[in-house]
């Protein structure tokens, strides 16, 4: 399963779960709505790659890469390269 931090800008994916169920940030991510089945779009990345901005249920959400590394996803739409 790919991880959220591996997705390029423009990718759309469905959250399938967490790679580390004991990650300290897991509870906070769940409370922010990053739940299994949620659809996420990667909208932007900072110039150095950290943090990344996501669109989740109509809300912009920024995550650090260390947080995105524990979220497993299933890509829905592949991005088109220029």
PDB file of N, CA and C in Angstrom:
ATOM      1  N   UNK A   1       0.840  -1.188   0.000  1.00  0.00           N
ATOM      2  CA  UNK A   1       0.000   0.000   0.000  1.00  0.00           C
ATOM      3  C   UNK A   1       0.883   1.249   0.000  1.00  0.00           C
ATOM      4  N   UNK A   2       0.570   2.182  -0.879  1.00  0.00           N
ATOM      5  CA  UNK A   2       1.324   3.442  -0.867  1.00  0.00           C
ATOM      6  C   UNK A   2       0.980   4.274   0.371  1.00  0.00           C
ATOM      7  N   UNK A   3       1.886   5.146   0.707  1.00  0.00           N
ATOM      8  CA  UNK A   3       1.681   6.054   1.834  1.00  0.00           C
ATOM      9  C   UNK A   3       1.349   7.434   1.304  1.00  0.00           C
ATOM     10  N   UNK A   4       0.675   8.229   2.105  1.00  0.00           N
ATOM     11  CA  UNK A   4       0.242   9.560   1.694  1.00  0.00           C
ATOM     12  C   UNK A   4       1.412  10.449   1.295  1.00  0.00           C
ATOM     13  N   UNK A   5       2.524  10.342   1.980  1.00  0.00           N
ATOM     14  CA  UNK A   5       3.666  11.214   1.674  1.00  0.00           C
ATOM     15  C   UNK A   5       4.281  10.914   0.309  1.00  0.00           C
ATOM     16  N   UNK A   6       3.956   9.772  -0.309  1.00  0.00           N
ATOM     17  CA  UNK A   6       4.510   9.392  -1.608  1.00  0.00           C
ATOM     18  C   UNK A   6       3.703   9.938  -2.786  1.00  0.00           C
ATOM     19  N   UNK A   7       2.522  10.482  -2.546  1.00  0.00           N
ATOM     20  CA  UNK A   7       1.664  10.948  -3.633  1.00  0.00           C
ATOM     21  C   UNK A   7       2.130  12.288  -4.176  1.00  0.00           C
ATOM     22  N   UNK A   8       2.052  12.472  -5.504  1.00  0.00           N
ATOM     23  CA  UNK A   8       2.420  13.761  -6.102  1.00  0.00           C
ATOM     24  C   UNK A   8       1.262  14.760  -5.987  1.00  0.00           C
ATOM     25  N   UNK A   9       1.553  16.024  -6.243  1.00  0.00           N
ATOM     26  CA  UNK A   9       0.527  17.066  -6.235  1.00  0.00           C
ATOM     27  C   UNK A   9      -0.504  16.740  -7.314  1.00  0.00           C
ATOM     28  N   UNK A  10      -1.773  16.863  -6.965  1.00  0.00           N
ATOM     29  CA  UNK A  10      -2.858  16.579  -7.889  1.00  0.00           C
ATOM     30  C   UNK A  10      -3.435  15.182  -7.749  1.00  0.00           C
ATOM     31  N   UNK A  11      -2.769  14.321  -7.014  1.00  0.00           N
ATOM     32  CA  UNK A  11      -3.243  12.949  -6.847  1.00  0.00           C
ATOM     33  C   UNK A  11      -4.459  12.915  -5.925  1.00  0.00           C
ATOM     34  N   UNK A  12      -5.376  12.023  -6.233  1.00  0.00           N
ATOM     35  CA  UNK A  12      -6.569  11.816  -5.414  1.00  0.00           C
ATOM     36  C   UNK A  12      -6.507  10.382  -4.905  1.00  0.00           C
ATOM     37  N   UNK A  13      -6.742  10.198  -3.604  1.00  0.00           N
ATOM     38  CA  UNK A  13      -6.636   8.864  -3.013  1.00  0.00           C
ATOM     39  C   UNK A  13      -7.646   8.702  -1.891  1.00  0.00           C
ATOM     40  N   UNK A  14      -7.927   7.450  -1.566  1.00  0.00           N
ATOM     41  CA  UNK A  14      -8.818   7.114  -0.461  1.00  0.00           C
ATOM     42  C   UNK A  14      -7.964   6.572   0.682  1.00  0.00           C
ATOM     43  N   UNK A  15      -8.218   7.049   1.882  1.00  0.00           N
ATOM     44  CA  UNK A  15      -7.493   6.573   3.059  1.00  0.00           C
ATOM     45  C   UNK A  15      -7.931   5.136   3.347  1.00  0.00           C
ATOM     46  N   UNK A  16      -6.948   4.239   3.497  1.00  0.00           N
ATOM     47  CA  UNK A  16      -7.273   2.844   3.801  1.00  0.00           C
ATOM     48  C   UNK A  16      -6.956   2.489   5.248  1.00  0.00           C
ATOM     49  N   UNK A  17      -6.117   3.271   5.897  1.00  0.00           N
ATOM     50  CA  UNK A  17      -5.780   2.988   7.288  1.00  0.00           C
ATOM     51  C   UNK A  17      -4.481   3.640   7.692  1.00  0.00           C
ATOM     52  N   UNK A  18      -3.851   3.039   8.696  1.00  0.00           N
ATOM     53  CA  UNK A  18      -2.604   3.562   9.240  1.00  0.00           C
ATOM     54  C   UNK A  18      -1.563   2.456   9.271  1.00  0.00           C
ATOM     55  N   UNK A  19      -0.349   2.782   8.843  1.00  0.00           N
ATOM     56  CA  UNK A  19       0.719   1.779   8.823  1.00  0.00           C
ATOM     57  C   UNK A  19       1.235   1.483  10.228  1.00  0.00           C
ATOM     58  N   UNK A  20       1.119   2.452  11.120  1.00  0.00           N
ATOM     59  CA  UNK A  20       1.564   2.279  12.504  1.00  0.00           C
ATOM     60  C   UNK A  20       0.405   2.649  13.420  1.00  0.00           C
ATOM     61  N   UNK A  21      -0.287   1.646  13.920  1.00  0.00           N
ATOM     62  CA  UNK A  21      -1.454   1.914  14.762  1.00  0.00           C
ATOM     63  C   UNK A  21      -1.082   2.568  16.088  1.00  0.00           C
ATOM     64  N   UNK A  22       0.200   2.547  16.455  1.00  0.00           N
ATOM     65  CA  UNK A  22       0.641   3.149  17.707  1.00  0.00           C
ATOM     66  C   UNK A  22       1.318   4.499  17.509  1.00  0.00           C
ATOM     67  N   UNK A  23       1.220   5.053  16.301  1.00  0.00           N
ATOM     68  CA  UNK A  23       1.852   6.351  16.037  1.00  0.00           C
ATOM     69  C   UNK A  23       1.237   7.413  16.947  1.00  0.00           C
ATOM     70  N   UNK A  24       2.077   8.289  17.519  1.00  0.00           N
ATOM     71  CA  UNK A  24       1.559   9.292  18.453  1.00  0.00           C
ATOM     72  C   UNK A  24       0.573  10.271  17.811  1.00  0.00           C
ATOM     73  N   UNK A  25       0.674  10.472  16.503  1.00  0.00           N
ATOM     74  CA  UNK A  25      -0.202  11.444  15.841  1.00  0.00           C
ATOM     75  C   UNK A  25      -1.503  10.816  15.345  1.00  0.00           C
ATOM     76  N   UNK A  26      -1.663   9.506  15.453  1.00  0.00           N
ATOM     77  CA  UNK A  26      -2.829   8.811  14.902  1.00  0.00           C
ATOM     78  C   UNK A  26      -4.149   9.342  15.473  1.00  0.00           C
ATOM     79  N   UNK A  27      -4.222   9.506  16.759  1.00  0.00           N
ATOM     80  CA  UNK A  27      -5.461   9.987  17.387  1.00  0.00           C
ATOM     81  C   UNK A  27      -5.817  11.395  16.901  1.00  0.00           C
ATOM     82  N   UNK A  28      -4.812  12.241  16.766  1.00  0.00           N
ATOM     83  CA  UNK A  28      -5.061  13.611  16.294  1.00  0.00           C
ATOM     84  C   UNK A  28      -5.534  13.607  14.845  1.00  0.00           C
ATOM     85  N   UNK A  29      -4.912  12.757  14.007  1.00  0.00           N
ATOM     86  CA  UNK A  29      -5.335  12.653  12.608  1.00  0.00           C
ATOM     87  C   UNK A  29      -6.778  12.155  12.505  1.00  0.00           C
ATOM     88  N   UNK A  30      -7.125  11.170  13.306  1.00  0.00           N
ATOM     89  CA  UNK A  30      -8.503  10.674  13.312  1.00  0.00           C
ATOM     90  C   UNK A  30      -9.483  11.770  13.706  1.00  0.00           C
ATOM     91  N   UNK A  31      -9.117  12.584  14.698  1.00  0.00           N
ATOM     92  CA  UNK A  31     -10.015  13.656  15.137  1.00  0.00           C
ATOM     93  C   UNK A  31     -10.143  14.764  14.097  1.00  0.00           C
ATOM     94  N   UNK A  32      -9.154  14.886  13.202  1.00  0.00           N
ATOM     95  CA  UNK A  32      -9.221  15.879  12.123  1.00  0.00           C
ATOM     96  C   UNK A  32      -9.989  15.348  10.911  1.00  0.00           C
ATOM     97  N   UNK A  33     -10.421  14.095  10.955  1.00  0.00           N
ATOM     98  CA  UNK A  33     -11.212  13.551   9.864  1.00  0.00           C
ATOM     99  C   UNK A  33     -10.466  12.660   8.905  1.00  0.00           C
ATOM    100  N   UNK A  34      -9.194  12.371   9.187  1.00  0.00           N
ATOM    101  CA  UNK A  34      -8.411  11.475   8.328  1.00  0.00           C
ATOM    102  C   UNK A  34      -8.750  10.049   8.749  1.00  0.00           C
ATOM    103  N   UNK A  35      -9.924   9.601   8.324  1.00  0.00           N
ATOM    104  CA  UNK A  35     -10.440   8.292   8.698  1.00  0.00           C
ATOM    105  C   UNK A  35     -10.457   7.371   7.493  1.00  0.00           C
ATOM    106  N   UNK A  36     -10.421   6.072   7.686  1.00  0.00           N
ATOM    107  CA  UNK A  36     -10.505   5.152   6.557  1.00  0.00           C
ATOM    108  C   UNK A  36     -11.757   5.423   5.721  1.00  0.00           C
ATOM    109  N   UNK A  37     -11.565   5.502   4.413  1.00  0.00           N
ATOM    110  CA  UNK A  37     -12.656   5.799   3.489  1.00  0.00           C
ATOM    111  C   UNK A  37     -12.702   7.250   3.051  1.00  0.00           C
ATOM    112  N   UNK A  38     -12.025   8.140   3.766  1.00  0.00           N
ATOM    113  CA  UNK A  38     -12.013   9.554   3.395  1.00  0.00           C
ATOM    114  C   UNK A  38     -11.215   9.749   2.109  1.00  0.00           C
ATOM    115  N   UNK A  39     -11.700  10.638   1.246  1.00  0.00           N
ATOM    116  CA  UNK A  39     -11.018  10.936  -0.017  1.00  0.00           C
ATOM    117  C   UNK A  39     -10.172  12.186   0.175  1.00  0.00           C
ATOM    118  N   UNK A  40      -8.897  12.085  -0.225  1.00  0.00           N
ATOM    119  CA  UNK A  40      -7.927  13.166  -0.046  1.00  0.00           C
ATOM    120  C   UNK A  40      -7.350  13.556  -1.399  1.00  0.00           C
ATOM    121  N   UNK A  41      -7.189  14.864  -1.628  1.00  0.00           N
ATOM    122  CA  UNK A  41      -6.504  15.376  -2.814  1.00  0.00           C
ATOM    123  C   UNK A  41      -5.270  16.128  -2.342  1.00  0.00           C
ATOM    124  N   UNK A  42      -4.112  15.808  -2.899  1.00  0.00           N
ATOM    125  CA  UNK A  42      -2.887  16.532  -2.565  1.00  0.00           C
ATOM    126  C   UNK A  42      -2.896  17.803  -3.406  1.00  0.00           C
ATOM    127  N   UNK A  43      -3.003  18.977  -2.760  1.00  0.00           N
ATOM    128  CA  UNK A  43      -3.127  20.228  -3.494  1.00  0.00           C
ATOM    129  C   UNK A  43      -1.810  20.991  -3.643  1.00  0.00           C
ATOM    130  N   UNK A  44      -0.954  20.937  -2.638  1.00  0.00           N
ATOM    131  CA  UNK A  44       0.324  21.666  -2.717  1.00  0.00           C
ATOM    132  C   UNK A  44       1.372  20.999  -1.862  1.00  0.00           C
ATOM    133  N   UNK A  45       2.614  21.305  -2.186  1.00  0.00           N
ATOM    134  CA  UNK A  45       3.770  20.890  -1.390  1.00  0.00           C
ATOM    135  C   UNK A  45       4.650  22.116  -1.179  1.00  0.00           C
ATOM    136  N   UNK A  46       5.206  22.229   0.006  1.00  0.00           N
ATOM    137  CA  UNK A  46       6.138  23.330   0.277  1.00  0.00           C
ATOM    138  C   UNK A  46       7.375  23.152  -0.601  1.00  0.00           C
ATOM    139  N   UNK A  47       8.133  24.217  -0.858  1.00  0.00           N
ATOM    140  CA  UNK A  47       9.314  24.119  -1.728  1.00  0.00           C
ATOM    141  C   UNK A  47      10.290  23.013  -1.336  1.00  0.00           C
ATOM    142  N   UNK A  48      10.455  22.744  -0.062  1.00  0.00           N
ATOM    143  CA  UNK A  48      11.361  21.685   0.357  1.00  0.00           C
ATOM    144  C   UNK A  48      10.620  20.376   0.620  1.00  0.00           C
ATOM    145  N   UNK A  49       9.322  20.330   0.274  1.00  0.00           N
ATOM    146  CA  UNK A  49       8.551  19.106   0.387  1.00  0.00           C
ATOM    147  C   UNK A  49       7.795  18.908   1.681  1.00  0.00           C
ATOM    148  N   UNK A  50       8.056  19.708   2.684  1.00  0.00           N
ATOM    149  CA  UNK A  50       7.410  19.536   3.984  1.00  0.00           C
ATOM    150  C   UNK A  50       6.956  20.895   4.493  1.00  0.00           C
ATOM    151  N   UNK A  51       5.708  21.127   4.756  1.00  0.00           N
ATOM    152  CA  UNK A  51       4.565  20.221   4.817  1.00  0.00           C
ATOM    153  C   UNK A  51       3.866  20.077   3.460  1.00  0.00           C
ATOM    154  N   UNK A  52       2.821  19.240   3.439  1.00  0.00           N
ATOM    155  CA  UNK A  52       1.984  19.095   2.255  1.00  0.00           C
ATOM    156  C   UNK A  52       0.582  19.577   2.603  1.00  0.00           C
ATOM    157  N   UNK A  53      -0.096  20.154   1.611  1.00  0.00           N
ATOM    158  CA  UNK A  53      -1.469  20.619   1.816  1.00  0.00           C
ATOM    159  C   UNK A  53      -2.414  19.656   1.128  1.00  0.00           C
ATOM    160  N   UNK A  54      -3.471  19.294   1.830  1.00  0.00           N
ATOM    161  CA  UNK A  54      -4.453  18.348   1.328  1.00  0.00           C
ATOM    162  C   UNK A  54      -5.828  18.992   1.334  1.00  0.00           C
ATOM    163  N   UNK A  55      -6.693  18.492   0.474  1.00  0.00           N
ATOM    164  CA  UNK A  55      -8.094  18.859   0.526  1.00  0.00           C
ATOM    165  C   UNK A  55      -8.819  17.630   1.052  1.00  0.00           C
ATOM    166  N   UNK A  56      -9.461  17.773   2.184  1.00  0.00           N
ATOM    167  CA  UNK A  56     -10.156  16.672   2.844  1.00  0.00           C
ATOM    168  C   UNK A  56     -11.551  17.142   3.222  1.00  0.00           C
ATOM    169  N   UNK A  57     -12.561  16.585   2.567  1.00  0.00           N
ATOM    170  CA  UNK A  57     -13.957  16.943   2.842  1.00  0.00           C
ATOM    171  C   UNK A  57     -14.198  18.443   2.734  1.00  0.00           C
ATOM    172  N   UNK A  58     -13.592  19.069   1.713  1.00  0.00           N
ATOM    173  CA  UNK A  58     -13.795  20.494   1.474  1.00  0.00           C
ATOM    174  C   UNK A  58     -12.977  21.412   2.354  1.00  0.00           C
ATOM    175  N   UNK A  59     -12.062  20.869   3.110  1.00  0.00           N
ATOM    176  CA  UNK A  59     -11.233  21.652   4.021  1.00  0.00           C
ATOM    177  C   UNK A  59      -9.764  21.499   3.660  1.00  0.00           C
ATOM    178  N   UNK A  60      -9.025  22.598   3.685  1.00  0.00           N
ATOM    179  CA  UNK A  60      -7.575  22.539   3.463  1.00  0.00           C
ATOM    180  C   UNK A  60      -6.916  22.104   4.762  1.00  0.00           C
ATOM    181  N   UNK A  61      -6.036  21.128   4.649  1.00  0.00           N
ATOM    182  CA  UNK A  61      -5.367  20.565   5.813  1.00  0.00           C
ATOM    183  C   UNK A  61      -3.890  20.422   5.486  1.00  0.00           C
ATOM    184  N   UNK A  62      -3.026  20.928   6.348  1.00  0.00           N
ATOM    185  CA  UNK A  62      -1.579  20.782   6.153  1.00  0.00           C
ATOM    186  C   UNK A  62      -1.046  19.739   7.121  1.00  0.00           C
ATOM    187  N   UNK A  63      -0.242  18.812   6.578  1.00  0.00           N
ATOM    188  CA  UNK A  63       0.369  17.768   7.396  1.00  0.00           C
ATOM    189  C   UNK A  63       1.863  17.757   7.194  1.00  0.00           C
ATOM    190  N   UNK A  64       2.591  17.474   8.253  1.00  0.00           N
ATOM    191  CA  UNK A  64       4.028  17.256   8.133  1.00  0.00           C
ATOM    192  C   UNK A  64       4.244  15.897   7.489  1.00  0.00           C
ATOM    193  N   UNK A  65       5.391  15.708   6.877  1.00  0.00           N
ATOM    194  CA  UNK A  65       5.681  14.437   6.218  1.00  0.00           C
ATOM    195  C   UNK A  65       5.698  13.282   7.206  1.00  0.00           C
ATOM    196  N   UNK A  66       6.162  13.526   8.423  1.00  0.00           N
ATOM    197  CA  UNK A  66       6.190  12.448   9.423  1.00  0.00           C
ATOM    198  C   UNK A  66       4.776  11.980   9.745  1.00  0.00           C
ATOM    199  N   UNK A  67       3.787  12.874   9.692  1.00  0.00           N
ATOM    200  CA  UNK A  67       2.401  12.479   9.908  1.00  0.00           C
ATOM    201  C   UNK A  67       1.847  11.746   8.681  1.00  0.00           C
ATOM    202  N   UNK A  68       2.189  12.237   7.496  1.00  0.00           N
ATOM    203  CA  UNK A  68       1.701  11.630   6.255  1.00  0.00           C
ATOM    204  C   UNK A  68       2.291  10.231   6.041  1.00  0.00           C
ATOM    205  N   UNK A  69       3.434   9.952   6.628  1.00  0.00           N
ATOM    206  CA  UNK A  69       4.085   8.640   6.469  1.00  0.00           C
ATOM    207  C   UNK A  69       3.339   7.498   7.131  1.00  0.00           C
ATOM    208  N   UNK A  70       2.437   7.774   8.040  1.00  0.00           N
ATOM    209  CA  UNK A  70       1.716   6.692   8.713  1.00  0.00           C
ATOM    210  C   UNK A  70       0.345   6.428   8.090  1.00  0.00           C
ATOM    211  N   UNK A  71      -0.062   7.234   7.094  1.00  0.00           N
ATOM    212  CA  UNK A  71      -1.382   7.095   6.475  1.00  0.00           C
ATOM    213  C   UNK A  71      -1.256   6.280   5.196  1.00  0.00           C
ATOM    214  N   UNK A  72      -1.912   5.128   5.146  1.00  0.00           N
ATOM    215  CA  UNK A  72      -1.911   4.318   3.927  1.00  0.00           C
ATOM    216  C   UNK A  72      -3.099   4.727   3.066  1.00  0.00           C
ATOM    217  N   UNK A  73      -2.867   4.772   1.746  1.00  0.00           N
ATOM    218  CA  UNK A  73      -3.896   5.239   0.819  1.00  0.00           C
ATOM    219  C   UNK A  73      -4.009   4.304  -0.376  1.00  0.00           C
ATOM    220  N   UNK A  74      -5.121   4.444  -1.082  1.00  0.00           N
ATOM    221  CA  UNK A  74      -5.352   3.740  -2.326  1.00  0.00           C
ATOM    222  C   UNK A  74      -5.598   4.801  -3.384  1.00  0.00           C
ATOM    223  N   UNK A  75      -4.687   4.984  -4.335  1.00  0.00           N
ATOM    224  CA  UNK A  75      -4.866   6.028  -5.356  1.00  0.00           C
ATOM    225  C   UNK A  75      -6.158   5.810  -6.148  1.00  0.00           C
ATOM    226  N   UNK A  76      -6.866   6.896  -6.408  1.00  0.00           N
ATOM    227  CA  UNK A  76      -8.111   6.835  -7.181  1.00  0.00           C
ATOM    228  C   UNK A  76      -7.874   7.378  -8.589  1.00  0.00           C
ATOM    229  N   UNK A  77      -7.227   8.541  -8.673  1.00  0.00           N
ATOM    230  CA  UNK A  77      -6.972   9.180  -9.962  1.00  0.00           C
ATOM    231  C   UNK A  77      -5.488   9.470 -10.060  1.00  0.00           C
ATOM    232  N   UNK A  78      -4.864   9.021 -11.140  1.00  0.00           N
ATOM    233  CA  UNK A  78      -3.455   9.319 -11.365  1.00  0.00           C
ATOM    234  C   UNK A  78      -3.331  10.736 -11.899  1.00  0.00           C
ATOM    235  N   UNK A  79      -2.230  11.383 -11.590  1.00  0.00           N
ATOM    236  CA  UNK A  79      -2.003  12.739 -12.064  1.00  0.00           C
ATOM    237  C   UNK A  79      -1.493  12.710 -13.505  1.00  0.00           C
ATOM    238  N   UNK A  80      -1.692  13.811 -14.200  1.00  0.00           N
ATOM    239  CA  UNK A  80      -1.217  13.943 -15.577  1.00  0.00           C
ATOM    240  C   UNK A  80      -0.003  14.837 -15.556  1.00  0.00           C
ATOM    241  N   UNK A  81       1.120  14.341 -16.087  1.00  0.00           N
ATOM    242  CA  UNK A  81       2.348  15.129 -16.125  1.00  0.00           C
ATOM    243  C   UNK A  81       2.298  16.106 -17.279  1.00  0.00           C
ATOM    244  N   UNK A  82       2.879  17.280 -17.066  1.00  0.00           N
ATOM    245  CA  UNK A  82       2.941  18.289 -18.155  1.00  0.00           C
ATOM    246  C   UNK A  82       3.995  17.940 -19.157  1.00  0.00           C
TER     247      UNK A  82
END
